[in-house]
Protein backbone atom coordinates (compact mmCIF):
# COMPACT_ATOMS: atom_id res chain seq x y z
CA MET A 1 -107.72 26.99 69.51
CA ILE A 2 -108.02 24.63 66.52
CA LEU A 3 -107.24 27.56 64.23
CA LEU A 4 -104.00 28.15 66.16
CA TYR A 5 -103.05 24.48 65.77
CA ILE A 6 -103.63 24.68 62.00
CA THR A 7 -101.62 27.92 61.85
CA ALA A 8 -98.72 26.26 63.69
CA ILE A 9 -98.69 23.37 61.21
CA ILE A 10 -98.78 25.78 58.25
CA PHE A 11 -95.90 27.80 59.71
CA ILE A 12 -93.85 24.62 60.18
CA LEU A 13 -94.43 23.55 56.56
CA ILE A 14 -93.51 26.98 55.18
CA GLN A 15 -90.32 27.04 57.26
CA ILE A 16 -89.35 23.63 55.87
CA LEU A 17 -89.97 24.93 52.33
CA PHE A 18 -87.73 27.94 53.07
CA VAL A 19 -84.95 25.58 54.18
CA PHE A 20 -85.16 23.64 50.90
CA GLN A 21 -85.23 26.91 48.90
CA VAL A 22 -82.05 28.16 50.57
CA TYR A 23 -80.39 24.77 50.05
CA HIS A 24 -81.21 24.98 46.33
CA ASN A 25 -79.96 28.57 46.04
CA CYS A 26 -76.68 27.82 47.85
CA ARG A 27 -75.94 24.91 45.54
CA TYR A 28 -76.76 27.09 42.54
CA VAL A 29 -74.39 29.84 43.72
CA LEU A 30 -71.44 27.49 44.27
CA ASP A 31 -71.98 25.70 40.96
CA LYS A 32 -72.26 28.86 38.84
CA ALA A 33 -69.51 30.81 40.62
CA ALA A 34 -66.95 28.09 39.87
CA ARG A 35 -67.44 28.26 36.09
CA GLN A 36 -65.23 30.12 33.64
CA ARG A 37 -66.83 32.88 31.55
CA VAL A 38 -64.60 33.79 28.62
CA VAL A 39 -66.75 33.49 25.48
CA TYR A 40 -68.42 36.90 25.65
CA LYS A 41 -66.06 39.88 25.63
CA PRO A 42 -67.91 43.16 24.90
CA SER A 43 -66.27 46.53 25.44
CA VAL A 44 -67.19 47.78 28.91
CA ALA A 45 -67.37 51.13 30.67
CA LEU A 46 -66.98 50.50 34.39
CA ILE A 47 -68.58 53.38 36.31
CA LEU A 48 -67.93 53.99 40.01
CA PRO A 49 -69.70 56.93 41.69
CA CYS A 50 -67.85 57.98 44.84
CA LYS A 51 -68.68 60.23 47.78
CA GLY A 52 -66.40 60.33 50.80
CA ILE A 53 -64.01 57.63 51.93
CA ASP A 54 -65.67 54.28 52.60
CA THR A 55 -64.32 51.65 54.95
CA ALA A 56 -61.45 49.81 53.17
CA PHE A 57 -61.69 52.38 50.35
CA ASP A 58 -58.18 51.78 48.96
CA GLU A 59 -58.57 48.01 48.95
CA ASN A 60 -61.94 48.20 47.24
CA ILE A 61 -60.88 50.66 44.54
CA SER A 62 -57.64 48.78 43.91
CA SER A 63 -59.62 45.65 43.04
CA PHE A 64 -61.09 47.43 40.01
CA PHE A 65 -57.65 48.30 38.68
CA LYS A 66 -56.67 44.61 38.93
CA LEU A 67 -59.48 43.20 36.79
CA ASP A 68 -58.36 40.57 34.30
CA TYR A 69 -60.21 41.99 31.29
CA ASN A 70 -58.65 43.55 28.22
CA ASN A 71 -61.47 45.69 26.89
CA TYR A 72 -62.69 48.01 29.63
CA GLU A 73 -62.35 51.56 30.85
CA ILE A 74 -62.78 52.88 34.39
CA ILE A 75 -64.72 56.07 35.05
CA PHE A 76 -64.72 57.35 38.62
CA VAL A 77 -67.02 60.27 39.27
CA THR A 78 -67.44 62.54 42.30
CA GLU A 79 -69.51 65.64 42.95
CA SER A 80 -66.56 68.04 43.25
CA ALA A 81 -62.83 68.30 43.84
CA GLU A 82 -63.62 69.07 47.49
CA ASP A 83 -64.89 65.52 48.00
CA PRO A 84 -62.19 63.58 49.93
CA ALA A 85 -62.56 60.72 47.43
CA TYR A 86 -61.34 62.90 44.56
CA GLU A 87 -57.78 63.30 45.84
CA ARG A 88 -57.58 59.65 46.92
CA LEU A 89 -58.76 58.45 43.52
CA GLY A 90 -56.09 60.56 41.84
CA LYS A 91 -53.39 58.94 43.97
CA LEU A 92 -54.67 55.43 43.24
CA LYS A 93 -54.84 56.21 39.54
CA GLU A 94 -51.19 57.28 39.62
CA LYS A 95 -50.22 54.22 41.68
CA PHE A 96 -51.66 51.79 39.12
CA LYS A 97 -50.50 53.68 36.06
CA GLY A 98 -49.18 51.10 33.59
CA GLN A 99 -50.31 48.22 35.85
CA THR A 100 -53.96 47.93 34.86
CA LYS A 101 -55.53 46.36 31.77
CA ALA A 102 -58.07 49.21 31.56
CA PHE A 103 -57.53 51.12 28.32
CA SER A 104 -58.60 54.36 30.03
CA VAL A 105 -58.93 55.59 33.62
CA ARG A 106 -60.66 58.89 34.31
CA VAL A 107 -61.82 60.79 37.40
CA LEU A 108 -64.72 63.09 36.52
CA LEU A 109 -66.46 65.89 38.42
CA SER A 110 -70.25 65.92 37.95
CA GLY A 111 -71.30 68.99 39.94
CA ILE A 112 -74.22 69.16 42.38
CA SER A 113 -77.48 67.42 41.55
CA LEU A 114 -80.49 69.73 41.53
CA ASN A 115 -83.17 67.08 41.04
CA GLY A 116 -82.52 63.38 41.70
CA SER A 117 -80.05 61.77 44.08
CA GLN A 118 -76.41 62.79 43.88
CA LYS A 119 -75.34 59.21 43.20
CA LEU A 120 -77.57 58.89 40.13
CA HIS A 121 -76.51 62.33 38.92
CA ASN A 122 -72.89 61.17 39.11
CA MET A 123 -73.68 57.95 37.26
CA LEU A 124 -75.54 59.72 34.46
CA TYR A 125 -72.68 62.19 34.04
CA ALA A 126 -70.31 59.25 33.62
CA VAL A 127 -72.66 57.52 31.14
CA ALA A 128 -72.68 60.71 29.06
CA ASN A 129 -68.88 60.54 28.89
CA ILE A 130 -68.22 56.89 28.02
CA SER A 131 -65.82 56.13 25.18
CA PRO A 132 -67.17 55.47 21.68
CA ASN A 133 -68.12 51.88 20.82
CA VAL A 134 -68.70 50.83 24.45
CA GLU A 135 -71.30 48.04 24.44
CA VAL A 136 -71.92 47.43 28.15
CA LEU A 137 -72.25 49.69 31.18
CA ALA A 138 -71.02 48.09 34.41
CA PHE A 139 -71.70 49.81 37.71
CA ALA A 140 -70.03 49.26 41.06
CA ASP A 141 -69.92 50.93 44.47
CA SER A 142 -66.84 52.09 46.29
CA ASP A 143 -67.67 49.85 49.25
CA ALA A 144 -67.39 46.67 47.12
CA CYS A 145 -64.25 44.59 46.66
CA VAL A 146 -64.42 42.38 43.55
CA ARG A 147 -62.52 39.34 42.28
CA SER A 148 -60.30 39.64 39.22
CA ASP A 149 -62.79 37.96 36.85
CA TRP A 150 -65.72 40.14 37.96
CA ILE A 151 -66.30 41.74 34.53
CA ASN A 152 -66.20 38.37 32.76
CA HIS A 153 -69.03 37.14 34.96
CA ILE A 154 -71.15 40.29 35.23
CA VAL A 155 -71.40 40.71 31.43
CA TYR A 156 -71.94 37.01 30.64
CA PRO A 157 -75.77 36.87 31.06
CA LEU A 158 -76.16 39.90 28.77
CA ARG A 159 -75.33 37.77 25.73
CA GLN A 160 -78.97 36.64 25.96
CA GLU A 161 -81.62 39.19 25.02
CA LYS A 162 -84.03 37.98 27.70
CA ASN A 163 -81.72 39.34 30.42
CA GLY A 164 -82.19 43.08 30.81
CA VAL A 165 -79.68 43.57 33.63
CA SER A 166 -77.19 41.31 35.40
CA THR A 167 -76.40 41.68 39.07
CA GLY A 168 -74.36 40.45 41.96
CA TYR A 169 -74.93 41.30 45.60
CA ARG A 170 -72.92 42.24 48.69
CA TRP A 171 -71.82 40.21 51.67
CA TYR A 172 -70.81 42.26 54.69
CA VAL A 173 -67.44 41.19 56.09
CA PRO A 174 -67.11 42.70 59.60
CA LEU A 175 -63.96 44.64 60.38
CA LYS A 176 -65.11 44.88 63.99
CA ASN A 177 -67.21 42.27 65.77
CA ASN A 178 -69.44 44.63 67.74
CA LEU A 179 -73.14 43.76 67.95
CA ALA A 180 -74.35 46.36 65.43
CA THR A 181 -71.91 45.15 62.76
CA LEU A 182 -72.83 41.52 63.42
CA ALA A 183 -76.51 42.45 63.07
CA LEU A 184 -75.77 44.17 59.75
CA SER A 185 -73.94 41.12 58.43
CA ALA A 186 -76.57 38.61 59.61
CA ILE A 187 -79.60 40.53 58.34
CA ASN A 188 -77.96 41.21 54.98
CA ALA A 189 -77.14 37.48 54.74
CA ARG A 190 -80.85 36.72 55.16
CA VAL A 191 -81.61 38.78 52.07
CA THR A 192 -78.79 37.19 50.09
CA GLN A 193 -80.02 33.64 50.70
CA PHE A 194 -83.18 34.22 48.65
CA ILE A 195 -81.41 35.46 45.50
CA GLY A 196 -81.04 32.77 42.85
CA PRO A 197 -82.43 31.50 39.54
CA THR A 198 -85.84 33.14 39.99
CA ILE A 199 -87.97 35.83 38.36
CA PHE A 200 -88.10 37.73 41.67
CA ASN A 201 -84.49 38.96 41.66
CA LYS A 202 -83.73 42.66 42.07
CA ALA A 203 -80.58 44.37 40.83
CA TRP A 204 -78.05 45.72 43.31
CA GLY A 205 -76.30 48.89 42.17
CA GLY A 206 -72.96 47.98 43.71
CA SER A 207 -72.42 45.16 41.22
CA MET A 208 -74.53 45.27 38.06
CA ALA A 209 -74.32 45.64 34.28
CA VAL A 210 -76.62 46.51 31.38
CA LYS A 211 -76.13 46.81 27.64
CA VAL A 212 -75.93 50.38 26.37
CA ASP A 213 -78.73 49.84 23.85
CA VAL A 214 -81.00 48.32 26.52
CA PHE A 215 -80.18 51.21 28.87
CA ARG A 216 -81.30 53.66 26.17
CA LYS A 217 -84.31 51.63 25.03
CA LEU A 218 -85.72 51.38 28.55
CA GLY A 219 -85.17 55.10 29.11
CA ILE A 220 -83.05 54.56 32.22
CA ASP A 221 -81.22 57.83 31.62
CA GLU A 222 -84.56 59.69 31.87
CA ILE A 223 -85.76 57.65 34.86
CA TRP A 224 -82.56 58.27 36.82
CA LYS A 225 -82.71 62.04 36.37
CA ASN A 226 -85.27 62.41 39.15
CA ALA A 227 -85.03 59.10 41.03
CA ALA A 228 -83.52 58.09 44.37
CA SER A 229 -82.59 54.47 43.63
CA ASP A 230 -80.47 53.19 40.78
CA ASP A 231 -81.02 49.47 41.27
CA LEU A 232 -84.71 49.32 42.15
CA THR A 233 -85.71 51.68 39.34
CA ILE A 234 -83.73 49.74 36.74
CA SER A 235 -85.21 46.49 38.11
CA ARG A 236 -88.68 48.01 37.81
CA ALA A 237 -88.07 49.11 34.21
CA VAL A 238 -86.58 45.74 33.20
CA LYS A 239 -89.51 43.79 34.63
CA ARG A 240 -92.02 46.11 32.95
CA ALA A 241 -90.28 45.36 29.65
CA LYS A 242 -90.82 41.60 30.31
CA MET A 243 -87.09 41.04 30.72
CA LEU A 244 -85.18 39.34 33.55
CA VAL A 245 -82.82 40.43 36.28
CA ALA A 246 -80.08 37.80 36.06
CA PHE A 247 -78.27 36.99 39.30
CA VAL A 248 -74.55 36.28 38.86
CA PRO A 249 -73.20 34.25 41.81
CA ALA A 250 -69.54 35.02 41.04
CA CYS A 251 -70.37 38.71 41.48
CA LEU A 252 -71.39 38.27 45.09
CA VAL A 253 -68.81 40.68 46.48
CA ALA A 254 -67.20 41.38 49.84
CA SER A 255 -68.11 44.66 51.49
CA PHE A 256 -65.85 45.39 54.46
CA GLU A 257 -67.73 47.27 57.13
CA GLN A 258 -68.04 48.26 60.76
CA THR A 259 -70.96 50.25 62.09
CA ASN A 260 -72.81 51.37 65.22
CA TRP A 261 -76.49 51.20 66.12
CA PRO A 262 -77.52 54.69 64.92
CA SER A 263 -75.82 54.13 61.54
CA PHE A 264 -77.24 50.63 61.28
CA PHE A 265 -80.84 51.73 61.88
CA GLU A 266 -80.47 54.71 59.53
CA PHE A 267 -79.16 52.42 56.78
CA ALA A 268 -81.78 49.69 57.31
CA ARG A 269 -84.70 52.10 57.44
CA ARG A 270 -83.46 53.89 54.32
CA GLN A 271 -83.19 50.64 52.35
CA PHE A 272 -86.68 49.49 53.28
CA LEU A 273 -88.21 52.95 52.84
CA ILE A 274 -86.82 53.27 49.31
CA THR A 275 -88.17 49.78 48.58
CA ARG A 276 -91.63 50.70 49.95
CA VAL A 277 -91.90 53.73 47.70
CA THR A 278 -90.23 52.27 44.59
CA MET A 279 -91.43 48.64 44.66
CA PRO A 280 -94.22 48.30 47.25
CA GLY A 281 -94.83 44.65 46.37
CA SER A 282 -91.27 43.77 47.39
CA TRP A 283 -91.67 45.74 50.62
CA LEU A 284 -94.86 43.83 51.48
CA PHE A 285 -93.05 40.55 50.87
CA ALA A 286 -90.27 41.70 53.20
CA LEU A 287 -92.88 42.61 55.80
CA PHE A 288 -94.44 39.16 55.46
CA CYS A 289 -91.06 37.44 55.84
CA GLY A 290 -90.16 39.61 58.82
CA THR A 291 -93.48 38.97 60.54
CA PHE A 292 -93.30 35.28 59.70
CA GLY A 293 -89.83 34.94 61.21
CA PHE A 294 -90.79 36.87 64.33
CA LEU A 295 -94.06 35.03 65.03
CA GLY A 296 -92.60 31.67 64.09
CA PHE A 297 -90.22 31.67 67.06
CA TRP A 298 -91.39 34.29 69.55
CA GLY A 299 -95.13 33.98 68.92
CA PHE A 300 -95.28 30.21 69.30
CA ALA A 301 -92.85 30.27 72.24
CA VAL A 302 -95.22 32.62 74.10
CA LEU A 303 -98.23 30.49 73.14
CA ALA A 304 -96.47 27.36 74.41
CA PHE A 305 -95.70 29.07 77.71
CA VAL A 306 -99.23 30.46 78.19
CA THR A 307 -100.99 27.19 77.35
CA ALA A 308 -98.61 25.25 79.60
CA MET A 309 -99.31 27.65 82.49
CA ASN A 310 -103.04 27.14 81.90
CA SER A 311 -102.49 23.36 82.11
CA SER A 312 -103.57 22.83 78.52
CA GLY A 313 -102.54 19.46 77.16
CA HIS A 314 -101.90 20.86 73.69
CA TRP A 315 -99.01 23.23 74.33
CA GLY A 316 -96.58 20.78 72.68
CA ILE A 317 -97.55 21.75 69.12
CA PHE A 318 -96.65 25.38 69.83
CA LEU A 319 -93.34 24.46 71.42
CA THR A 320 -92.61 22.20 68.44
CA ALA A 321 -93.33 25.07 66.04
CA SER A 322 -90.98 27.39 67.95
CA VAL A 323 -88.21 24.77 68.02
CA VAL A 324 -88.67 24.03 64.31
CA PHE A 325 -88.34 27.73 63.56
CA PHE A 326 -85.14 28.08 65.55
CA THR A 327 -83.74 24.92 63.94
CA GLY A 328 -84.78 26.07 60.48
CA GLN A 329 -83.22 29.50 60.94
CA ALA A 330 -80.01 27.90 62.17
CA ALA A 331 -79.97 25.41 59.26
CA ARG A 332 -80.39 28.18 56.69
CA ALA A 333 -77.67 30.23 58.36
CA ILE A 334 -75.28 27.25 58.35
CA MET A 335 -75.91 26.64 54.65
CA ARG A 336 -75.39 30.27 53.59
CA GLN A 337 -72.29 30.59 55.77
CA LYS A 338 -70.76 27.42 54.32
CA MET A 339 -71.51 28.85 50.88
CA ILE A 340 -69.85 32.20 51.53
CA PHE A 341 -66.82 30.62 53.21
CA LYS A 342 -66.17 28.80 49.94
CA LEU A 343 -66.92 31.81 47.79
CA LEU A 344 -64.88 34.32 49.84
CA ALA A 345 -62.31 31.89 51.22
CA SER A 346 -59.65 34.56 51.68
CA GLU A 347 -61.90 36.41 54.15
CA ALA A 348 -62.82 33.35 56.23
CA GLU A 349 -61.03 34.45 59.37
CA LYS A 350 -62.74 37.85 59.38
CA MET A 351 -66.14 36.22 58.95
CA ARG A 352 -65.85 33.54 61.63
CA THR A 353 -67.48 35.43 64.51
CA ALA A 354 -70.21 36.79 62.23
CA ALA A 355 -70.94 33.26 61.03
CA ILE A 356 -71.44 32.00 64.58
CA ALA A 357 -73.66 35.00 65.40
CA ASP A 358 -75.72 34.38 62.27
CA CYS A 359 -76.23 30.69 63.11
CA LEU A 360 -77.14 31.17 66.78
CA GLY A 361 -78.81 34.58 66.84
CA GLY A 362 -81.74 33.94 64.50
CA PRO A 363 -84.51 34.97 66.94
CA ILE A 364 -82.70 38.21 67.84
CA TRP A 365 -82.07 39.13 64.19
CA SER A 366 -85.75 38.42 63.39
CA LEU A 367 -86.80 40.88 66.07
CA ILE A 368 -84.42 43.60 64.84
CA LEU A 369 -85.33 43.02 61.19
CA LEU A 370 -89.06 43.35 61.81
CA GLY A 371 -88.47 46.55 63.76
CA CYS A 372 -86.51 48.02 60.83
CA ILE A 373 -89.24 47.09 58.33
CA ILE A 374 -92.03 48.52 60.48
CA SER A 375 -90.09 51.77 60.98
CA SER A 376 -89.92 52.20 57.20
CA ALA A 377 -93.72 52.12 56.96
CA PHE A 378 -93.84 55.75 58.08
CA GLY A 379 -92.53 58.91 56.43
CA ARG A 380 -90.75 59.56 53.14
CA THR A 381 -87.58 61.36 54.20
CA ILE A 382 -84.16 59.71 54.13
CA LYS A 383 -80.57 60.76 54.71
CA TRP A 384 -78.00 59.35 52.28
CA ARG A 385 -74.30 60.18 52.38
CA GLY A 386 -74.99 63.34 54.33
CA ILE A 387 -77.78 64.59 52.04
CA LYS A 388 -81.48 64.59 52.92
CA TYR A 389 -84.09 63.60 50.33
CA LYS A 390 -87.87 63.32 50.25
CA LEU A 391 -89.21 60.39 48.24
CA ILE A 392 -92.16 61.70 46.22
CA GLY A 393 -92.78 58.65 44.05
CA PRO A 394 -91.15 55.54 42.58
CA THR A 395 -89.02 57.59 40.19
CA GLU A 396 -89.10 61.05 41.80
CA VAL A 397 -87.14 62.45 44.71
CA ALA A 398 -86.60 65.97 46.03
CA ARG A 399 -83.31 67.11 47.55
CA ILE A 400 -84.03 69.03 50.79
């Protein structure tokens, strides 16, 4: 029983440390996002691989035409002309003709990938067709909606050689407040809160940039030929080269979404499964955090109930631990929601219900999150944009 008391105290202390870490990260995000970044202006190729029509597709794609940057080109790339995105991209290109600062806008057809994932095949095809003298490759996803100074911020850390890749992250803005979409938003927010000025950052492919010479030097073009993940493999290569993944708070982007439970679980399992195979250390940390969050509330709540029923006089420490965990989860949620309401102020109304769910539903989200992580511990097959893949290794995938 003494060991359980000590464990409860340790859990309480770690939870308090997590609260302070999130407080520090939220302050960092708001401070950095408010700054102007105009001193570094390399030529940029902005590459957007597309497959199908995402939620809020037109709004997302339009944001890339409206970027306030004078020295960039846009390269959209799809698998074939039969992809629904191809026709829509052509219409948007015509709509913004003469209204964008991009010096070139192209829609390319990459053909079917025979080895690695279709997304990476599309991206590599675009990289092979960038304009001469481009210095930086910026990558974005079609489910991201960016602010007008996105390029200014995403390229800024690359002026320093220690930074191998710069990255933003997504914040899910629900278009429908059903439970599955609220779960998606809340669980994603939990991941976002830990990104900051640390050496543990990972790149996110929907908002990232890398210098062309670094891309070549690290052999990313060769790695991506057979890989499943763009962001985790580039993160892995950057860290192996003793370089940093620089988080850019201003490139924390809105991703408008609505989902259902089957789609949610498929997405969550896929994300954690790719992480397990590509960066097992990160997956183990996620498993620790998921288990920690689950046991911190539910485990100590059950212990408090059992010891109270057995008339033990020491059930109070377990109840205290459970209450501290709920309070800590709520405090972290309040801090990250206040942060995002300032950062994405124009979307505040859409995020209001999700914010309340995030703040009050911590124990439920912990349970769902742990279930998703545990499910990813088994198997190596995923389904991504309608295509099935088998993950063979960190940088090797087979299309099946």
